[in-house]
Amino acid sequence: MKMFKLIYLLAMSILVVSPIFAAETEVFSVGGLTNWDYIGGGTAYDADNGNAEHPFKELMTLNTPASTNDYGVDGGSWDWDVAELAPVGHVLPNSGSYVGVRYEAPAGKLITGVTIPRLYVNVDTNMHVQIFDADDVFLVDPNRTVLTELITDVTATSTGTSAIEIRWVNIAPSTIHLWGVGNGVIFNTIEIVTEDDPDYVPFSPLTFENPNKPSTWFGYYHGLTVYSSGPLGGTNWGDSIAVAGSYTNLNHVFPSQEAIDSAIANHSYMLVDVMWYLFSESSPGSFSLRGDYQNQIQGLKTMFAGAEDYIGAFSPLDEPYHRNVPQADLEAVIAELKAVFPGIPSYLCFARDPINSMTTATLPAGLDWIAFDYYDTAGGPVQISEVQGTVNHIKSIKSADQKIFLVPPSAQDNLQAAYTDQQLADTINAYYGLMQSDPEIIGMIVFPADGCRQVVFDGIGTTIPLALAAQQAIGAEIAGEVCGDIWNGLYTFDYDGNCKIDLLDWAVYTTKWLAE
């Protein structure tokens, strides 16, 4: 075995078998029981409502923090204490029933001790405070002797447990009368002692939530279309991301929770089309900037909170100049989106005729990704030479930082052009060949999605098997295995194929590596 592998094994052995203990005490007092859970077991009778039997926990209250003035000077502090367990009314708990609180040790820690400096009970002596560990092992019971009792310094020690439960338990062989909030138990303070877990190996698995974004993209328009407003409000054209997620990494969506959920579930970035949030149709075919567009963008911030990593880019409006939108309005919304969502690119898809007439001056400022759609040449299938001509023109007017997207067709009857399945497959492959030949072209967003039922399209994905196969092959090359794009090569260590690189994967890798 090579020397560096021996050193590796020695280092790992030292890491695993050499604990570094650091005891810490967390004191829970007037601030309440933060990070504790309310627990309960067994049943009780609600004497105020026909003696109906319920889980004991439902007929009790946990107040944390709690005012204990009603318990008197012997038990209460005449101030606020950490917690109070009390019945909501006339309650009869069965034997063995309990309520209480549970504390889980933080990751990498074990609980080695718990102390209740002072607790006060005002009820039958068979209601006991008991402490259990994570394995339900009994640790301590102060063994009450009088009805109203102040108990001090209840302490339990343990060899190390991941959780502690403090229970208020009926140990009598039958029911006990609890007559309202005065018949409860209060805890003045609870102290938890923790130490480092010697067997804990800190590890943060690489997951999709914070990926390094891919450098090349492939996906579909209308990957998931749910219109919440606009002329097609209420339209739902289905979720193609779920079908195409294995070979795409960027799919066009309209803002919705369904889109966010599908992107997360299928490991896809979203090309978020916000046209109906920012613009309204002022006349047939013409759109105007909404006066409340800034508020709308703030609403988008709320909608996508926590899911920003899944946004590949924002698309303010499709074919903006074809829809008579002024350049200044486009620049205003791009700037606002960038201010609210820093680091997320802006994307605009232009109709082919307007973009061939554009200049550097008329290309909207702040734009990151420039796309154009082109589906037919003189009523027939696209001639890739004409697509190349438009790409050359864009390159002549854009900056070095701006990149190009292609939008090839994916329907036999795509606008004016009628394709055979083979012609459509050839066209899509030609687009891909152009993309491969030019590093300035970083993505293909195919129109429309497989399985998406458009206003003028039908049967997509069912009558074009050759074209669909071409798209799947292209997507596999551009997006690869989705995990590979997310982790820039680390996906090779995802041995169990669950799109997470965790300790099990590294164990397999280490075994293979050491065997070499």
Protein backbone atom coordinates (compact mmCIF):
# COMPACT_ATOMS: atom_id res chain seq x y z
CA MET A 1 0.00 0.00 0.00
CA LYS A 2 1.32 3.44 -0.86
CA MET A 3 2.70 5.56 1.97
CA PHE A 4 0.20 8.41 1.53
CA LYS A 5 -2.66 5.91 1.91
CA LEU A 6 -1.20 4.68 5.18
CA ILE A 7 -0.96 8.28 6.36
CA TYR A 8 -4.59 8.81 5.31
CA LEU A 9 -5.75 5.76 7.30
CA LEU A 10 -3.75 6.85 10.35
CA ALA A 11 -5.20 10.35 10.20
CA MET A 12 -8.73 9.04 9.87
CA SER A 13 -8.17 6.64 12.79
CA ILE A 14 -6.97 9.47 14.99
CA LEU A 15 -9.98 11.55 13.96
CA VAL A 16 -12.41 8.79 14.83
CA VAL A 17 -10.93 7.45 18.08
CA SER A 18 -9.63 10.68 19.64
CA PRO A 19 -12.54 12.57 21.18
CA ILE A 20 -12.09 16.14 22.27
CA PHE A 21 -14.50 16.71 25.14
CA ALA A 22 -15.81 20.18 25.76
CA ALA A 23 -18.59 20.35 28.35
CA GLU A 24 -21.16 23.09 27.97
CA THR A 25 -24.13 24.00 30.13
CA GLU A 26 -27.22 25.56 28.59
CA VAL A 27 -29.51 27.29 31.06
CA PHE A 28 -33.21 27.60 30.27
CA SER A 29 -34.88 30.14 32.51
CA VAL A 30 -37.11 33.18 31.97
CA GLY A 31 -36.78 32.96 28.18
CA GLY A 32 -38.77 29.72 28.04
CA LEU A 33 -38.04 26.30 26.64
CA THR A 34 -36.72 27.13 23.18
CA ASN A 35 -35.97 24.06 21.03
CA TRP A 36 -37.98 21.78 23.33
CA ASP A 37 -40.98 19.70 22.26
CA TYR A 38 -44.22 19.24 24.19
CA ILE A 39 -44.80 15.49 24.66
CA GLY A 40 -47.39 13.23 26.20
CA GLY A 41 -48.60 9.66 26.58
CA GLY A 42 -51.74 7.88 27.73
CA THR A 43 -55.28 9.17 28.08
CA ALA A 44 -57.43 11.18 30.46
CA TYR A 45 -61.10 12.03 30.97
CA ASP A 46 -62.50 15.49 30.40
CA ALA A 47 -64.86 15.77 33.39
CA ASP A 48 -66.16 19.12 32.19
CA ASN A 49 -67.42 17.63 28.92
CA GLY A 50 -69.18 14.36 29.67
CA ASN A 51 -66.06 12.49 30.81
CA ALA A 52 -64.97 12.06 27.20
CA GLU A 53 -61.64 10.23 26.94
CA HIS A 54 -58.83 12.05 25.12
CA PRO A 55 -55.04 11.86 24.89
CA PHE A 56 -53.81 13.33 28.16
CA LYS A 57 -51.66 15.80 26.22
CA GLU A 58 -54.76 17.39 24.64
CA LEU A 59 -56.29 18.21 28.03
CA MET A 60 -53.14 19.90 29.35
CA THR A 61 -51.30 23.09 28.57
CA LEU A 62 -47.60 23.85 28.39
CA ASN A 63 -46.91 27.49 29.18
CA THR A 64 -43.34 28.54 28.53
CA PRO A 65 -42.26 30.89 29.95
CA ALA A 66 -44.93 31.04 32.66
CA SER A 67 -46.05 33.43 35.36
CA THR A 68 -46.09 31.51 38.65
CA ASN A 69 -47.60 34.07 40.98
CA ASP A 70 -50.63 31.82 41.63
CA TYR A 71 -48.45 29.14 43.20
CA GLY A 72 -47.49 31.24 46.23
CA VAL A 73 -44.24 32.16 47.82
CA ASP A 74 -43.17 28.59 48.54
CA GLY A 75 -43.07 27.56 44.91
CA GLY A 76 -43.38 30.58 42.71
CA SER A 77 -40.74 33.18 42.18
CA TRP A 78 -43.35 35.92 41.92
CA ASP A 79 -41.89 36.43 38.50
CA TRP A 80 -41.59 34.40 35.29
CA ASP A 81 -40.38 30.82 35.29
CA VAL A 82 -39.25 28.57 32.47
CA ALA A 83 -42.37 26.41 32.14
CA GLU A 84 -45.70 25.33 33.61
CA LEU A 85 -47.72 22.15 32.94
CA ALA A 86 -51.37 22.55 33.96
CA PRO A 87 -54.78 21.08 33.11
CA VAL A 88 -57.25 23.13 31.08
CA GLY A 89 -60.08 22.24 33.47
CA HIS A 90 -61.31 19.24 35.43
CA VAL A 91 -59.13 16.41 34.11
CA LEU A 92 -58.80 12.78 35.26
CA PRO A 93 -55.59 11.19 33.89
CA ASN A 94 -55.33 7.40 33.79
CA SER A 95 -52.55 5.49 35.47
CA GLY A 96 -49.26 5.89 33.62
CA SER A 97 -50.42 8.91 31.61
CA TYR A 98 -47.95 11.74 31.38
CA VAL A 99 -47.15 15.07 29.77
CA GLY A 100 -43.79 16.73 29.57
CA VAL A 101 -41.04 18.26 27.49
CA ARG A 102 -38.29 16.75 25.34
CA TYR A 103 -34.91 18.23 24.42
CA GLU A 104 -32.77 16.94 21.55
CA ALA A 105 -29.02 17.48 21.78
CA PRO A 106 -27.51 19.58 18.99
CA ALA A 107 -25.66 17.72 16.24
CA GLY A 108 -22.33 16.47 17.51
CA LYS A 109 -23.32 16.70 21.17
CA LEU A 110 -24.44 14.25 23.87
CA ILE A 111 -26.37 15.14 27.02
CA THR A 112 -24.43 14.14 30.14
CA GLY A 113 -26.54 15.82 32.78
CA VAL A 114 -29.79 17.65 33.50
CA THR A 115 -30.66 19.67 36.60
CA ILE A 116 -33.91 21.30 37.71
CA PRO A 117 -32.83 23.71 40.48
CA ARG A 118 -36.39 24.20 41.72
CA LEU A 119 -39.81 22.83 40.82
CA TYR A 120 -43.11 23.22 42.57
CA VAL A 121 -46.06 20.80 42.49
CA ASN A 122 -49.56 21.41 43.84
CA VAL A 123 -51.53 18.18 43.38
CA ASP A 124 -51.79 14.56 44.54
CA THR A 125 -48.48 13.01 45.66
CA ASN A 126 -48.81 10.31 42.98
CA MET A 127 -48.11 12.91 40.25
CA HIS A 128 -44.32 12.65 39.92
CA VAL A 129 -41.69 14.43 37.88
CA GLN A 130 -39.45 11.84 36.22
CA ILE A 131 -36.56 12.11 33.79
CA PHE A 132 -35.84 9.65 30.95
CA ASP A 133 -33.13 9.47 28.31
CA ALA A 134 -33.44 8.96 24.53
CA ASP A 135 -33.76 5.17 24.97
CA ASP A 136 -36.65 5.58 27.43
CA VAL A 137 -34.39 4.60 30.31
CA PHE A 138 -35.59 5.93 33.68
CA LEU A 139 -33.00 8.23 35.26
CA VAL A 140 -34.48 9.98 38.29
CA ASP A 141 -37.66 10.60 40.35
CA PRO A 142 -37.60 12.94 43.41
CA ASN A 143 -40.32 10.79 45.13
CA ARG A 144 -42.87 13.30 46.38
CA THR A 145 -44.21 13.07 49.94
CA VAL A 146 -46.67 15.95 50.45
CA LEU A 147 -49.51 17.50 48.45
CA THR A 148 -47.98 20.92 47.97
CA GLU A 149 -44.26 20.63 47.61
CA LEU A 150 -41.21 22.63 46.66
CA ILE A 151 -38.47 20.33 45.37
CA THR A 152 -34.91 21.51 44.76
CA ASP A 153 -31.92 20.28 42.81
CA VAL A 154 -33.40 17.39 40.85
CA THR A 155 -30.34 16.12 38.99
CA ALA A 156 -29.89 13.28 36.55
CA THR A 157 -26.60 12.14 35.11
CA SER A 158 -26.07 9.94 32.08
CA THR A 159 -23.24 8.29 30.23
CA GLY A 160 -24.35 10.21 27.18
CA THR A 161 -27.73 10.43 25.46
CA SER A 162 -29.06 12.29 22.47
CA ALA A 163 -32.26 13.46 24.19
CA ILE A 164 -33.83 14.06 27.58
CA GLU A 165 -37.52 13.89 28.51
CA ILE A 166 -38.91 15.50 31.67
CA ARG A 167 -42.31 13.93 32.34
CA TRP A 168 -45.10 14.72 34.81
CA VAL A 169 -46.48 11.23 35.40
CA ASN A 170 -49.46 9.65 37.16
CA ILE A 171 -47.88 6.71 39.01
CA ALA A 172 -51.10 5.81 40.87
CA PRO A 173 -52.89 2.55 39.89
CA SER A 174 -55.99 4.58 38.91
CA THR A 175 -57.06 8.05 37.86
CA ILE A 176 -56.11 11.23 39.70
CA HIS A 177 -58.14 14.44 39.95
CA LEU A 178 -56.57 17.53 38.41
CA TRP A 179 -58.77 20.54 39.14
CA GLY A 180 -57.53 23.33 36.91
CA VAL A 181 -54.52 25.50 36.40
CA GLY A 182 -53.72 25.58 40.12
CA ASN A 183 -53.08 21.82 40.09
CA GLY A 184 -49.93 21.85 38.03
CA VAL A 185 -46.17 21.75 38.14
CA ILE A 186 -43.79 24.61 37.46
CA PHE A 187 -40.08 24.59 36.69
CA ASN A 188 -38.07 27.58 37.79
CA THR A 189 -35.01 26.73 35.65
CA ILE A 190 -33.66 23.77 33.71
CA GLU A 191 -29.97 23.25 33.03
CA ILE A 192 -28.65 20.88 30.36
CA VAL A 193 -25.00 19.78 30.29
CA THR A 194 -23.62 18.58 26.96
CA GLU A 195 -20.29 17.27 25.75
CA ASP A 196 -18.88 16.54 22.33
CA ASP A 197 -19.97 13.22 20.86
CA PRO A 198 -16.74 11.23 20.26
CA ASP A 199 -18.38 9.24 17.45
CA TYR A 200 -19.73 12.25 15.59
CA VAL A 201 -18.18 13.01 12.20
CA PRO A 202 -19.34 16.42 10.97
CA PHE A 203 -20.36 16.34 7.35
CA SER A 204 -22.49 18.53 5.13
CA PRO A 205 -23.60 16.52 2.09
CA LEU A 206 -23.43 18.23 -1.26
CA THR A 207 -27.03 18.73 -2.33
CA PHE A 208 -28.89 20.63 -5.00
CA GLU A 209 -29.80 23.54 -2.75
CA ASN A 210 -26.53 25.41 -3.33
CA PRO A 211 -25.14 24.20 -6.64
CA ASN A 212 -22.53 25.66 -8.91
CA LYS A 213 -24.60 26.63 -11.90
CA PRO A 214 -23.90 24.89 -15.20
CA SER A 215 -22.10 26.71 -17.98
CA THR A 216 -24.33 25.30 -20.72
CA TRP A 217 -28.08 24.81 -20.72
CA PHE A 218 -30.79 22.71 -22.32
CA GLY A 219 -34.52 22.62 -21.67
CA TYR A 220 -37.98 23.57 -22.85
CA TYR A 221 -40.34 26.47 -23.14
CA HIS A 222 -43.49 25.76 -21.15
CA GLY A 223 -41.75 23.15 -19.02
CA LEU A 224 -44.51 23.81 -16.52
CA THR A 225 -47.20 26.32 -17.43
CA VAL A 226 -49.63 27.58 -14.84
CA TYR A 227 -51.03 31.00 -15.76
CA SER A 228 -52.16 32.93 -12.69
CA SER A 229 -53.21 36.01 -14.69
CA GLY A 230 -53.36 37.43 -18.19
CA PRO A 231 -55.58 36.28 -21.06
CA LEU A 232 -54.93 32.61 -20.28
CA GLY A 233 -55.52 32.90 -16.53
CA GLY A 234 -56.29 29.56 -14.94
CA THR A 235 -54.68 27.55 -17.74
CA ASN A 236 -52.63 24.55 -16.70
CA TRP A 237 -50.74 22.78 -19.49
CA GLY A 238 -49.16 20.16 -17.31
CA ASP A 239 -45.73 19.45 -15.88
CA SER A 240 -43.17 18.41 -18.49
CA ILE A 241 -40.26 18.96 -16.09
CA ALA A 242 -41.18 15.72 -14.35
CA VAL A 243 -40.87 13.91 -17.69
CA ALA A 244 -37.83 15.72 -19.07
CA GLY A 245 -35.94 16.36 -15.83
CA SER A 246 -33.43 13.60 -16.51
CA TYR A 247 -32.04 15.36 -19.59
CA THR A 248 -32.74 19.07 -18.97
CA ASN A 249 -31.30 21.63 -16.58
CA LEU A 250 -33.28 24.79 -17.44
CA ASN A 251 -37.02 24.92 -18.07
CA HIS A 252 -39.34 27.84 -18.77
CA VAL A 253 -42.04 28.34 -16.13
CA PHE A 254 -44.49 30.98 -14.97
CA PRO A 255 -44.27 31.87 -11.27
CA SER A 256 -46.19 29.37 -9.16
CA GLN A 257 -45.64 27.08 -6.22
CA GLU A 258 -46.18 24.14 -8.57
CA ALA A 259 -43.19 25.30 -10.66
CA ILE A 260 -40.98 25.69 -7.60
CA ASP A 261 -41.93 22.27 -6.26
CA SER A 262 -41.31 20.57 -9.62
CA ALA A 263 -37.95 22.28 -10.12
CA ILE A 264 -36.78 21.15 -6.70
CA ALA A 265 -38.13 17.62 -7.13
CA ASN A 266 -36.63 17.18 -10.60
CA HIS A 267 -33.33 19.04 -10.10
CA SER A 268 -34.04 21.71 -12.70
CA TYR A 269 -33.35 25.41 -12.82
CA MET A 270 -36.22 27.69 -13.76
CA LEU A 271 -36.32 30.24 -16.56
CA VAL A 272 -38.97 32.35 -14.82
CA ASP A 273 -41.28 34.24 -17.18
CA VAL A 274 -42.68 37.25 -15.29
CA MET A 275 -44.43 39.02 -18.18
CA TRP A 276 -47.89 38.97 -16.56
CA TYR A 277 -46.45 40.41 -13.35
CA LEU A 278 -44.69 43.32 -15.03
CA PHE A 279 -46.72 44.12 -18.16
CA SER A 280 -50.34 44.31 -19.28
CA GLU A 281 -51.80 44.20 -22.77
CA SER A 282 -52.77 47.81 -23.54
CA SER A 283 -54.13 46.96 -27.00
CA PRO A 284 -54.13 43.80 -29.14
CA GLY A 285 -50.49 42.78 -29.54
CA SER A 286 -49.08 45.72 -27.55
CA PHE A 287 -47.96 45.63 -23.92
CA SER A 288 -47.34 48.41 -21.38
CA LEU A 289 -45.33 48.42 -18.17
CA ARG A 290 -47.49 48.09 -15.08
CA GLY A 291 -47.39 51.02 -12.69
CA ASP A 292 -46.94 48.65 -9.76
CA TYR A 293 -44.16 46.56 -11.30
CA GLN A 294 -41.81 47.25 -8.39
CA ASN A 295 -44.38 45.94 -5.91
CA GLN A 296 -44.91 42.93 -8.17
CA ILE A 297 -41.19 42.14 -8.05
CA GLN A 298 -41.28 42.37 -4.26
CA GLY A 299 -44.13 39.86 -4.38
CA LEU A 300 -41.95 37.57 -6.48
CA LYS A 301 -39.24 37.86 -3.84
CA THR A 302 -41.71 36.53 -1.28
CA MET A 303 -42.89 33.73 -3.58
CA PHE A 304 -39.38 32.49 -4.35
CA ALA A 305 -37.97 32.96 -0.84
CA GLY A 306 -35.80 29.95 -0.09
CA ALA A 307 -35.88 28.76 -3.71
CA GLU A 308 -33.65 31.41 -5.27
CA ASP A 309 -30.95 28.84 -6.02
CA TYR A 310 -33.32 27.16 -8.44
CA ILE A 311 -33.79 30.28 -10.59
CA GLY A 312 -31.59 30.11 -13.67
CA ALA A 313 -32.73 33.47 -15.08
CA PHE A 314 -35.67 35.86 -15.26
CA SER A 315 -37.46 36.54 -18.55
CA PRO A 316 -39.29 39.90 -18.31
CA LEU A 317 -41.27 39.48 -21.55
CA ASP A 318 -41.14 37.26 -24.62
CA GLU A 319 -40.50 38.98 -27.99
CA PRO A 320 -40.61 42.46 -26.39
CA TYR A 321 -40.06 44.62 -29.49
CA HIS A 322 -42.57 42.53 -31.44
CA ARG A 323 -45.02 43.54 -28.68
CA ASN A 324 -44.12 47.26 -28.91
CA VAL A 325 -42.50 47.48 -25.47
CA PRO A 326 -40.17 50.50 -25.18
CA GLN A 327 -36.50 49.81 -24.52
CA ALA A 328 -36.57 52.05 -21.44
CA ASP A 329 -39.30 49.90 -19.86
CA LEU A 330 -37.27 46.74 -20.46
CA GLU A 331 -34.21 48.31 -18.89
CA ALA A 332 -36.24 49.48 -15.87
CA VAL A 333 -37.56 46.00 -15.08
CA ILE A 334 -34.19 44.34 -15.70
CA ALA A 335 -32.54 46.76 -13.26
CA GLU A 336 -35.24 46.18 -10.63
CA LEU A 337 -35.04 42.39 -10.95
CA LYS A 338 -31.27 42.54 -10.55
CA ALA A 339 -31.62 44.75 -7.46
CA VAL A 340 -34.10 42.40 -5.79
CA PHE A 341 -32.51 39.15 -7.05
CA PRO A 342 -28.77 39.89 -7.20
CA GLY A 343 -26.70 37.45 -9.20
CA ILE A 344 -29.60 36.02 -11.23
CA PRO A 345 -29.22 36.62 -15.00
CA SER A 346 -31.76 38.41 -17.17
CA TYR A 347 -32.99 36.69 -20.34
CA LEU A 348 -34.85 38.10 -23.34
CA CYS A 349 -36.02 36.17 -26.37
CA PHE A 350 -36.52 38.36 -29.45
CA ALA A 351 -38.43 37.63 -32.61
CA ARG A 352 -35.98 37.12 -35.47
CA ASP A 353 -36.92 40.12 -37.59
CA PRO A 354 -36.53 42.74 -34.83
CA ILE A 355 -33.23 41.32 -33.61
CA ASN A 356 -31.72 41.43 -37.11
CA SER A 357 -32.38 45.18 -37.08
CA MET A 358 -31.09 45.84 -33.59
CA THR A 359 -27.90 47.74 -32.79
CA THR A 360 -25.72 47.98 -29.72
CA ALA A 361 -27.71 51.06 -28.76
CA THR A 362 -31.06 49.28 -28.95
CA LEU A 363 -29.94 46.17 -27.08
CA PRO A 364 -31.40 46.65 -23.56
CA ALA A 365 -28.84 47.57 -20.93
CA GLY A 366 -28.32 44.98 -18.19
CA LEU A 367 -29.33 42.05 -20.38
CA ASP A 368 -27.25 38.91 -19.77
CA TRP A 369 -28.67 36.21 -22.07
CA ILE A 370 -29.88 37.03 -25.59
CA ALA A 371 -32.20 34.55 -27.27
CA PHE A 372 -34.10 34.55 -30.55
CA ASP A 373 -36.75 32.23 -31.90
CA TYR A 374 -36.76 31.09 -35.52
CA TYR A 375 -39.05 28.29 -36.64
CA ASP A 376 -39.32 28.42 -40.43
CA THR A 377 -37.69 29.70 -43.61
CA ALA A 378 -40.20 30.89 -46.23
CA GLY A 379 -42.85 28.57 -44.83
CA GLY A 380 -40.58 25.52 -44.79
CA PRO A 381 -38.14 23.99 -42.31
CA VAL A 382 -35.47 26.27 -40.89
CA GLN A 383 -32.29 26.79 -42.89
CA ILE A 384 -29.47 26.74 -40.37
CA SER A 385 -27.45 29.19 -42.51
CA GLU A 386 -30.03 31.86 -41.72
CA VAL A 387 -29.82 31.04 -38.02
CA GLN A 388 -26.04 31.41 -38.31
CA GLY A 389 -26.53 34.82 -39.91
CA THR A 390 -28.60 36.04 -36.96
CA VAL A 391 -26.04 34.68 -34.50
CA ASN A 392 -23.31 36.59 -36.33
CA HIS A 393 -25.35 39.78 -36.11
CA ILE A 394 -25.94 39.38 -32.37
CA LYS A 395 -22.23 38.83 -31.83
CA SER A 396 -21.53 42.08 -33.66
CA ILE A 397 -23.70 44.16 -31.29
CA LYS A 398 -23.36 42.44 -27.90
CA SER A 399 -20.70 42.78 -25.22
CA ALA A 400 -18.21 40.04 -24.33
CA ASP A 401 -20.16 39.19 -21.16
CA GLN A 402 -23.48 38.67 -22.93
CA LYS A 403 -24.27 35.15 -24.10
CA ILE A 404 -26.59 33.69 -26.74
CA PHE A 405 -29.44 31.19 -26.53
CA LEU A 406 -31.02 29.34 -29.44
CA VAL A 407 -34.74 28.50 -29.58
CA PRO A 408 -35.32 25.65 -32.05
CA PRO A 409 -38.77 24.27 -32.94
CA SER A 410 -40.25 21.12 -31.43
CA ALA A 411 -43.58 20.65 -33.20
CA GLN A 412 -44.52 19.32 -36.61
CA ASP A 413 -46.77 22.31 -37.19
CA ASN A 414 -44.65 25.09 -35.78
CA LEU A 415 -46.14 28.38 -36.87
CA GLN A 416 -45.94 28.55 -40.68
CA ALA A 417 -43.60 25.61 -41.18
CA ALA A 418 -44.79 22.03 -41.61
CA TYR A 419 -42.15 19.43 -40.70
CA THR A 420 -41.89 15.74 -41.10
CA ASP A 421 -40.55 13.99 -38.01
CA GLN A 422 -37.21 13.47 -39.74
CA GLN A 423 -36.98 17.11 -40.84
CA LEU A 424 -37.66 18.27 -37.31
CA ALA A 425 -34.97 15.94 -35.92
CA ASP A 426 -32.51 17.19 -38.56
CA THR A 427 -33.31 20.82 -37.71
CA ILE A 428 -32.80 20.31 -34.00
CA ASN A 429 -29.51 18.51 -34.62
CA ALA A 430 -28.39 21.37 -36.88
CA TYR A 431 -29.12 23.86 -34.10
CA TYR A 432 -27.05 21.76 -31.75
CA GLY A 433 -24.19 21.59 -34.23
CA LEU A 434 -24.19 25.39 -34.36
CA MET A 435 -24.15 25.57 -30.57
CA GLN A 436 -21.23 23.15 -30.35
CA SER A 437 -19.23 25.22 -32.80
CA ASP A 438 -19.61 28.54 -30.95
CA PRO A 439 -18.66 29.11 -27.27
CA GLU A 440 -20.76 32.29 -27.27
CA ILE A 441 -23.88 30.11 -27.54
CA ILE A 442 -24.48 28.67 -24.09
CA GLY A 443 -27.99 27.26 -24.28
CA MET A 444 -30.90 25.82 -26.23
CA ILE A 445 -34.48 26.35 -25.03
CA VAL A 446 -36.68 24.23 -27.29
CA PHE A 447 -40.20 25.46 -28.14
CA PRO A 448 -42.45 24.02 -26.84
CA ALA A 449 -42.08 21.34 -24.19
CA ASP A 450 -42.67 17.70 -24.91
CA GLY A 451 -46.16 16.88 -23.70
CA CYS A 452 -47.23 20.55 -23.43
CA ARG A 453 -50.58 21.26 -25.10
CA GLN A 454 -50.39 24.73 -26.59
CA VAL A 455 -53.20 26.82 -28.05
CA VAL A 456 -52.17 25.90 -31.61
CA PHE A 457 -50.16 22.72 -31.01
CA ASP A 458 -51.26 19.22 -30.12
CA GLY A 459 -49.81 15.75 -30.01
CA ILE A 460 -46.29 16.95 -29.21
CA GLY A 461 -44.10 14.09 -28.13
CA THR A 462 -46.43 11.49 -29.61
CA THR A 463 -46.03 12.12 -33.35
CA ILE A 464 -42.35 13.13 -33.38
CA PRO A 465 -40.43 10.16 -31.95
CA LEU A 466 -37.31 10.88 -34.00
CA ALA A 467 -37.25 14.56 -33.03
CA LEU A 468 -37.90 13.71 -29.41
CA ALA A 469 -35.06 11.17 -29.42
CA ALA A 470 -32.76 13.84 -30.88
CA GLN A 471 -33.70 16.23 -28.08
CA GLN A 472 -33.11 13.60 -25.44
CA ALA A 473 -29.68 12.78 -26.85
CA ILE A 474 -28.73 16.46 -27.07
CA GLY A 475 -29.98 17.10 -23.56
CA ALA A 476 -27.99 14.17 -22.23
CA GLU A 477 -24.82 15.66 -23.74
CA ILE A 478 -25.46 19.24 -22.58
CA ALA A 479 -27.02 18.55 -19.21
CA GLY A 480 -25.56 15.08 -18.75
CA GLU A 481 -26.65 13.36 -15.61
CA VAL A 482 -28.26 16.17 -13.68
CA CYS A 483 -26.08 15.62 -10.64
CA GLY A 484 -23.01 16.04 -12.81
CA ASP A 485 -24.04 19.53 -13.84
CA ILE A 486 -24.82 20.45 -10.28
CA TRP A 487 -21.46 19.43 -8.88
CA ASN A 488 -19.16 19.93 -11.85
CA GLY A 489 -17.81 16.41 -11.87
CA LEU A 490 -18.33 15.40 -8.24
CA TYR A 491 -21.36 13.43 -9.39
CA THR A 492 -18.97 10.55 -10.16
CA PHE A 493 -18.85 9.96 -6.40
CA ASP A 494 -22.64 9.60 -6.15
CA TYR A 495 -22.46 5.81 -5.95
CA ASP A 496 -26.00 5.21 -4.76
CA GLY A 497 -27.44 7.54 -7.42
CA ASN A 498 -29.60 9.61 -5.09
CA CYS A 499 -28.25 13.01 -6.21
CA LYS A 500 -26.55 13.48 -2.85
CA ILE A 501 -22.92 12.85 -1.98
CA ASP A 502 -23.04 11.60 1.58
CA LEU A 503 -20.95 9.46 3.93
CA LEU A 504 -22.13 6.24 2.31
CA ASP A 505 -20.83 7.40 -1.06
CA TRP A 506 -17.48 8.43 0.41
CA ALA A 507 -17.20 5.09 2.20
CA VAL A 508 -17.61 3.28 -1.12
CA TYR A 509 -15.13 5.63 -2.76
CA THR A 510 -12.58 5.14 0.02
CA THR A 511 -12.93 1.35 -0.22
CA LYS A 512 -12.32 1.44 -3.96
CA TRP A 513 -9.47 3.90 -3.62
CA LEU A 514 -7.66 1.93 -0.94
CA ALA A 515 -8.00 -1.24 -3.00
CA GLU A 516 -6.17 0.29 -5.95
